[in-house]
């Protein structure tokens, strides 16, 4: 399920600011929005999961979508 990006302002997380359902929903959904490259979300440049995959015979390969 695609989620949308919600910008969280400094005022929303300031000391004494009320804890709202909208804020908690944004805190829950925003990491997924970043991963899904939702409109307005910060972009992760490169592949955040650029790692080695170990095969069943004990060797490793880079995933096909990994950066070179």
PDB file of N, CA and C in Angstrom:
ATOM      1  N   UNK A   1       0.846  -1.176   0.000  1.00  0.00           N
ATOM      2  CA  UNK A   1       0.000   0.000   0.000  1.00  0.00           C
ATOM      3  C   UNK A   1       0.891   1.239   0.000  1.00  0.00           C
ATOM      4  N   UNK A   2       0.662   2.111  -0.918  1.00  0.00           N
ATOM      5  CA  UNK A   2       1.437   3.346  -0.997  1.00  0.00           C
ATOM      6  C   UNK A   2       0.959   4.329   0.066  1.00  0.00           C
ATOM      7  N   UNK A   3       1.917   4.968   0.687  1.00  0.00           N
ATOM      8  CA  UNK A   3       1.582   5.995   1.673  1.00  0.00           C
ATOM      9  C   UNK A   3       2.054   7.335   1.147  1.00  0.00           C
ATOM     10  N   UNK A   4       1.483   8.390   1.661  1.00  0.00           N
ATOM     11  CA  UNK A   4       1.900   9.725   1.240  1.00  0.00           C
ATOM     12  C   UNK A   4       2.857  10.296   2.274  1.00  0.00           C
ATOM     13  N   UNK A   5       3.654  11.238   1.842  1.00  0.00           N
ATOM     14  CA  UNK A   5       4.600  11.926   2.718  1.00  0.00           C
ATOM     15  C   UNK A   5       3.887  13.080   3.399  1.00  0.00           C
ATOM     16  N   UNK A   6       4.092  13.218   4.691  1.00  0.00           N
ATOM     17  CA  UNK A   6       3.531  14.331   5.446  1.00  0.00           C
ATOM     18  C   UNK A   6       4.678  15.107   6.069  1.00  0.00           C
ATOM     19  N   UNK A   7       4.788  16.381   5.749  1.00  0.00           N
ATOM     20  CA  UNK A   7       5.831  17.211   6.339  1.00  0.00           C
ATOM     21  C   UNK A   7       5.485  17.482   7.797  1.00  0.00           C
ATOM     22  N   UNK A   8       6.448  17.259   8.677  1.00  0.00           N
ATOM     23  CA  UNK A   8       6.269  17.506  10.107  1.00  0.00           C
ATOM     24  C   UNK A   8       7.009  18.796  10.437  1.00  0.00           C
ATOM     25  N   UNK A   9       6.288  19.758  10.980  1.00  0.00           N
ATOM     26  CA  UNK A   9       6.892  21.054  11.298  1.00  0.00           C
ATOM     27  C   UNK A   9       7.567  21.014  12.666  1.00  0.00           C
ATOM     28  N   UNK A  10       8.464  21.972  12.902  1.00  0.00           N
ATOM     29  CA  UNK A  10       9.102  22.084  14.210  1.00  0.00           C
ATOM     30  C   UNK A  10       8.072  22.352  15.300  1.00  0.00           C
ATOM     31  N   UNK A  11       7.042  23.118  14.973  1.00  0.00           N
ATOM     32  CA  UNK A  11       6.005  23.431  15.960  1.00  0.00           C
ATOM     33  C   UNK A  11       5.263  22.175  16.410  1.00  0.00           C
ATOM     34  N   UNK A  12       5.110  21.217  15.519  1.00  0.00           N
ATOM     35  CA  UNK A  12       4.397  19.988  15.873  1.00  0.00           C
ATOM     36  C   UNK A  12       5.170  19.122  16.862  1.00  0.00           C
ATOM     37  N   UNK A  13       6.481  19.252  16.878  1.00  0.00           N
ATOM     38  CA  UNK A  13       7.295  18.435  17.781  1.00  0.00           C
ATOM     39  C   UNK A  13       7.989  19.270  18.856  1.00  0.00           C
ATOM     40  N   UNK A  14       7.557  20.515  19.018  1.00  0.00           N
ATOM     41  CA  UNK A  14       8.130  21.391  20.034  1.00  0.00           C
ATOM     42  C   UNK A  14       7.707  20.929  21.428  1.00  0.00           C
ATOM     43  N   UNK A  15       8.483  21.322  22.407  1.00  0.00           N
ATOM     44  CA  UNK A  15       8.141  21.015  23.798  1.00  0.00           C
ATOM     45  C   UNK A  15       6.767  21.590  24.109  1.00  0.00           C
ATOM     46  N   UNK A  16       5.901  20.781  24.660  1.00  0.00           N
ATOM     47  CA  UNK A  16       4.562  21.228  25.031  1.00  0.00           C
ATOM     48  C   UNK A  16       3.532  21.133  23.919  1.00  0.00           C
ATOM     49  N   UNK A  17       3.958  20.775  22.708  1.00  0.00           N
ATOM     50  CA  UNK A  17       3.005  20.647  21.600  1.00  0.00           C
ATOM     51  C   UNK A  17       2.124  19.426  21.844  1.00  0.00           C
ATOM     52  N   UNK A  18       0.862  19.522  21.459  1.00  0.00           N
ATOM     53  CA  UNK A  18      -0.032  18.383  21.679  1.00  0.00           C
ATOM     54  C   UNK A  18       0.348  17.196  20.789  1.00  0.00           C
ATOM     55  N   UNK A  19       0.161  16.024  21.330  1.00  0.00           N
ATOM     56  CA  UNK A  19       0.401  14.805  20.572  1.00  0.00           C
ATOM     57  C   UNK A  19      -0.892  14.447  19.857  1.00  0.00           C
ATOM     58  N   UNK A  20      -0.893  14.592  18.531  1.00  0.00           N
ATOM     59  CA  UNK A  20      -2.123  14.401  17.765  1.00  0.00           C
ATOM     60  C   UNK A  20      -2.071  13.107  16.959  1.00  0.00           C
ATOM     61  N   UNK A  21      -3.226  12.668  16.557  1.00  0.00           N
ATOM     62  CA  UNK A  21      -3.312  11.485  15.702  1.00  0.00           C
ATOM     63  C   UNK A  21      -2.597  11.734  14.379  1.00  0.00           C
ATOM     64  N   UNK A  22      -2.743  12.935  13.830  1.00  0.00           N
ATOM     65  CA  UNK A  22      -2.091  13.261  12.555  1.00  0.00           C
ATOM     66  C   UNK A  22      -0.569  13.175  12.682  1.00  0.00           C
ATOM     67  N   UNK A  23      -0.021  13.661  13.797  1.00  0.00           N
ATOM     68  CA  UNK A  23       1.423  13.605  14.005  1.00  0.00           C
ATOM     69  C   UNK A  23       1.888  12.162  14.146  1.00  0.00           C
ATOM     70  N   UNK A  24       1.186  11.381  14.932  1.00  0.00           N
ATOM     71  CA  UNK A  24       1.581   9.985  15.119  1.00  0.00           C
ATOM     72  C   UNK A  24       1.475   9.194  13.812  1.00  0.00           C
ATOM     73  N   UNK A  25       0.465   9.496  13.012  1.00  0.00           N
ATOM     74  CA  UNK A  25       0.315   8.829  11.717  1.00  0.00           C
ATOM     75  C   UNK A  25       1.478   9.196  10.800  1.00  0.00           C
ATOM     76  N   UNK A  26       1.872  10.473  10.802  1.00  0.00           N
ATOM     77  CA  UNK A  26       3.008  10.904   9.983  1.00  0.00           C
ATOM     78  C   UNK A  26       4.297  10.230  10.443  1.00  0.00           C
ATOM     79  N   UNK A  27       4.496  10.137  11.752  1.00  0.00           N
ATOM     80  CA  UNK A  27       5.695   9.478  12.268  1.00  0.00           C
ATOM     81  C   UNK A  27       5.711   7.992  11.908  1.00  0.00           C
ATOM     82  N   UNK A  28       4.550   7.392  11.838  1.00  0.00           N
ATOM     83  CA  UNK A  28       4.456   5.986  11.451  1.00  0.00           C
ATOM     84  C   UNK A  28       4.681   5.798   9.949  1.00  0.00           C
ATOM     85  N   UNK A  29       4.065   6.656   9.136  1.00  0.00           N
ATOM     86  CA  UNK A  29       4.049   6.453   7.685  1.00  0.00           C
ATOM     87  C   UNK A  29       5.236   7.059   6.939  1.00  0.00           C
ATOM     88  N   UNK A  30       5.859   8.101   7.477  1.00  0.00           N
ATOM     89  CA  UNK A  30       6.917   8.786   6.730  1.00  0.00           C
ATOM     90  C   UNK A  30       8.109   7.897   6.370  1.00  0.00           C
ATOM     91  N   UNK A  31       8.588   7.025   7.259  1.00  0.00           N
ATOM     92  CA  UNK A  31       9.698   6.156   6.829  1.00  0.00           C
ATOM     93  C   UNK A  31       9.322   5.283   5.631  1.00  0.00           C
ATOM     94  N   UNK A  32       8.092   4.798   5.604  1.00  0.00           N
ATOM     95  CA  UNK A  32       7.638   4.013   4.461  1.00  0.00           C
ATOM     96  C   UNK A  32       7.527   4.899   3.218  1.00  0.00           C
ATOM     97  N   UNK A  33       7.084   6.142   3.408  1.00  0.00           N
ATOM     98  CA  UNK A  33       7.007   7.082   2.296  1.00  0.00           C
ATOM     99  C   UNK A  33       8.371   7.370   1.691  1.00  0.00           C
ATOM    100  N   UNK A  34       9.393   7.452   2.537  1.00  0.00           N
ATOM    101  CA  UNK A  34      10.759   7.647   2.046  1.00  0.00           C
ATOM    102  C   UNK A  34      11.175   6.437   1.211  1.00  0.00           C
ATOM    103  N   UNK A  35      10.908   5.256   1.729  1.00  0.00           N
ATOM    104  CA  UNK A  35      11.285   4.030   1.016  1.00  0.00           C
ATOM    105  C   UNK A  35      10.556   3.902  -0.313  1.00  0.00           C
ATOM    106  N   UNK A  36       9.313   4.378  -0.366  1.00  0.00           N
ATOM    107  CA  UNK A  36       8.518   4.279  -1.591  1.00  0.00           C
ATOM    108  C   UNK A  36       8.701   5.483  -2.511  1.00  0.00           C
ATOM    109  N   UNK A  37       9.560   6.422  -2.106  1.00  0.00           N
ATOM    110  CA  UNK A  37       9.803   7.649  -2.873  1.00  0.00           C
ATOM    111  C   UNK A  37       8.517   8.424  -3.129  1.00  0.00           C
ATOM    112  N   UNK A  38       7.756   8.613  -2.063  1.00  0.00           N
ATOM    113  CA  UNK A  38       6.510   9.376  -2.158  1.00  0.00           C
ATOM    114  C   UNK A  38       6.818  10.817  -2.546  1.00  0.00           C
ATOM    115  N   UNK A  39       5.863  11.468  -3.191  1.00  0.00           N
ATOM    116  CA  UNK A  39       6.033  12.863  -3.599  1.00  0.00           C
ATOM    117  C   UNK A  39       6.295  13.723  -2.368  1.00  0.00           C
ATOM    118  N   UNK A  40       7.355  14.537  -2.415  1.00  0.00           N
ATOM    119  CA  UNK A  40       7.697  15.423  -1.318  1.00  0.00           C
ATOM    120  C   UNK A  40       8.625  14.814  -0.287  1.00  0.00           C
ATOM    121  N   UNK A  41       8.801  13.509  -0.316  1.00  0.00           N
ATOM    122  CA  UNK A  41       9.672  12.841   0.658  1.00  0.00           C
ATOM    123  C   UNK A  41      11.134  13.055   0.294  1.00  0.00           C
ATOM    124  N   UNK A  42      12.015  13.092   1.300  1.00  0.00           N
ATOM    125  CA  UNK A  42      13.436  13.184   0.991  1.00  0.00           C
ATOM    126  C   UNK A  42      13.874  11.965   0.187  1.00  0.00           C
ATOM    127  N   UNK A  43      14.805  12.173  -0.700  1.00  0.00           N
ATOM    128  CA  UNK A  43      15.284  11.080  -1.548  1.00  0.00           C
ATOM    129  C   UNK A  43      16.556  10.479  -0.961  1.00  0.00           C
ATOM    130  N   UNK A  44      16.637   9.166  -0.998  1.00  0.00           N
ATOM    131  CA  UNK A  44      17.855   8.469  -0.615  1.00  0.00           C
ATOM    132  C   UNK A  44      18.628   8.239  -1.905  1.00  0.00           C
ATOM    133  N   UNK A  45      19.800   8.845  -1.998  1.00  0.00           N
ATOM    134  CA  UNK A  45      20.612   8.672  -3.196  1.00  0.00           C
ATOM    135  C   UNK A  45      21.457   7.422  -3.034  1.00  0.00           C
ATOM    136  N   UNK A  46      21.493   6.645  -4.051  1.00  0.00           N
ATOM    137  CA  UNK A  46      22.135   5.349  -3.956  1.00  0.00           C
ATOM    138  C   UNK A  46      21.103   4.340  -3.508  1.00  0.00           C
ATOM    139  N   UNK A  47      21.550   3.143  -3.341  1.00  0.00           N
ATOM    140  CA  UNK A  47      20.656   2.080  -2.908  1.00  0.00           C
ATOM    141  C   UNK A  47      20.927   1.817  -1.432  1.00  0.00           C
ATOM    142  N   UNK A  48      19.941   2.017  -0.566  1.00  0.00           N
ATOM    143  CA  UNK A  48      20.192   1.858   0.865  1.00  0.00           C
ATOM    144  C   UNK A  48      20.510   0.422   1.250  1.00  0.00           C
ATOM    145  N   UNK A  49      20.222  -0.503   0.368  1.00  0.00           N
ATOM    146  CA  UNK A  49      20.476  -1.907   0.669  1.00  0.00           C
ATOM    147  C   UNK A  49      21.554  -2.467  -0.255  1.00  0.00           C
ATOM    148  N   UNK A  50      22.585  -1.680  -0.490  1.00  0.00           N
ATOM    149  CA  UNK A  50      23.698  -2.112  -1.328  1.00  0.00           C
ATOM    150  C   UNK A  50      24.582  -3.037  -0.488  1.00  0.00           C
ATOM    151  N   UNK A  51      24.395  -4.311  -0.637  1.00  0.00           N
ATOM    152  CA  UNK A  51      25.106  -5.279   0.173  1.00  0.00           C
ATOM    153  C   UNK A  51      25.416  -6.517  -0.658  1.00  0.00           C
ATOM    154  N   UNK A  52      26.068  -7.458  -0.042  1.00  0.00           N
ATOM    155  CA  UNK A  52      26.405  -8.695  -0.728  1.00  0.00           C
ATOM    156  C   UNK A  52      25.357  -9.753  -0.395  1.00  0.00           C
ATOM    157  N   UNK A  53      25.002 -10.541  -1.377  1.00  0.00           N
ATOM    158  CA  UNK A  53      24.095 -11.658  -1.154  1.00  0.00           C
ATOM    159  C   UNK A  53      24.908 -12.947  -1.187  1.00  0.00           C
ATOM    160  N   UNK A  54      24.761 -13.743  -0.169  1.00  0.00           N
ATOM    161  CA  UNK A  54      25.471 -15.013  -0.127  1.00  0.00           C
ATOM    162  C   UNK A  54      24.619 -16.087  -0.779  1.00  0.00           C
ATOM    163  N   UNK A  55      25.241 -16.863  -1.618  1.00  0.00           N
ATOM    164  CA  UNK A  55      24.528 -17.910  -2.340  1.00  0.00           C
ATOM    165  C   UNK A  55      24.613 -19.222  -1.564  1.00  0.00           C
ATOM    166  N   UNK A  56      23.865 -20.205  -1.995  1.00  0.00           N
ATOM    167  CA  UNK A  56      23.835 -21.492  -1.295  1.00  0.00           C
ATOM    168  C   UNK A  56      25.157 -22.239  -1.365  1.00  0.00           C
ATOM    169  N   UNK A  57      25.988 -21.935  -2.359  1.00  0.00           N
ATOM    170  CA  UNK A  57      27.272 -22.640  -2.455  1.00  0.00           C
ATOM    171  C   UNK A  57      28.397 -21.914  -1.720  1.00  0.00           C
ATOM    172  N   UNK A  58      28.064 -20.879  -0.954  1.00  0.00           N
ATOM    173  CA  UNK A  58      29.053 -20.207  -0.125  1.00  0.00           C
ATOM    174  C   UNK A  58      29.737 -19.016  -0.759  1.00  0.00           C
ATOM    175  N   UNK A  59      29.443 -18.703  -1.999  1.00  0.00           N
ATOM    176  CA  UNK A  59      30.019 -17.520  -2.628  1.00  0.00           C
ATOM    177  C   UNK A  59      29.053 -16.350  -2.448  1.00  0.00           C
ATOM    178  N   UNK A  60      29.473 -15.186  -2.874  1.00  0.00           N
ATOM    179  CA  UNK A  60      28.590 -14.031  -2.763  1.00  0.00           C
ATOM    180  C   UNK A  60      28.526 -13.301  -4.083  1.00  0.00           C
ATOM    181  N   UNK A  61      27.457 -12.564  -4.261  1.00  0.00           N
ATOM    182  CA  UNK A  61      27.271 -11.714  -5.433  1.00  0.00           C
ATOM    183  C   UNK A  61      26.648 -10.407  -4.984  1.00  0.00           C
ATOM    184  N   UNK A  62      26.812  -9.391  -5.800  1.00  0.00           N
ATOM    185  CA  UNK A  62      26.093  -8.147  -5.541  1.00  0.00           C
ATOM    186  C   UNK A  62      24.719  -8.263  -6.172  1.00  0.00           C
ATOM    187  N   UNK A  63      23.683  -7.739  -5.510  1.00  0.00           N
ATOM    188  CA  UNK A  63      22.355  -7.766  -6.118  1.00  0.00           C
ATOM    189  C   UNK A  63      22.369  -7.028  -7.457  1.00  0.00           C
ATOM    190  N   UNK A  64      21.517  -7.421  -8.364  1.00  0.00           N
ATOM    191  CA  UNK A  64      21.469  -6.819  -9.696  1.00  0.00           C
ATOM    192  C   UNK A  64      21.181  -5.325  -9.636  1.00  0.00           C
ATOM    193  N   UNK A  65      20.426  -4.870  -8.626  1.00  0.00           N
ATOM    194  CA  UNK A  65      20.076  -3.454  -8.543  1.00  0.00           C
ATOM    195  C   UNK A  65      21.034  -2.668  -7.656  1.00  0.00           C
ATOM    196  N   UNK A  66      22.144  -3.266  -7.239  1.00  0.00           N
ATOM    197  CA  UNK A  66      23.119  -2.566  -6.403  1.00  0.00           C
ATOM    198  C   UNK A  66      23.945  -1.617  -7.258  1.00  0.00           C
ATOM    199  N   UNK A  67      24.461  -0.590  -6.604  1.00  0.00           N
ATOM    200  CA  UNK A  67      25.321   0.341  -7.326  1.00  0.00           C
ATOM    201  C   UNK A  67      26.662  -0.309  -7.591  1.00  0.00           C
ATOM    202  N   UNK A  68      27.300   0.117  -8.666  1.00  0.00           N
ATOM    203  CA  UNK A  68      28.603  -0.463  -9.006  1.00  0.00           C
ATOM    204  C   UNK A  68      29.712   0.211  -8.250  1.00  0.00           C
TER     205      UNK A  68
END
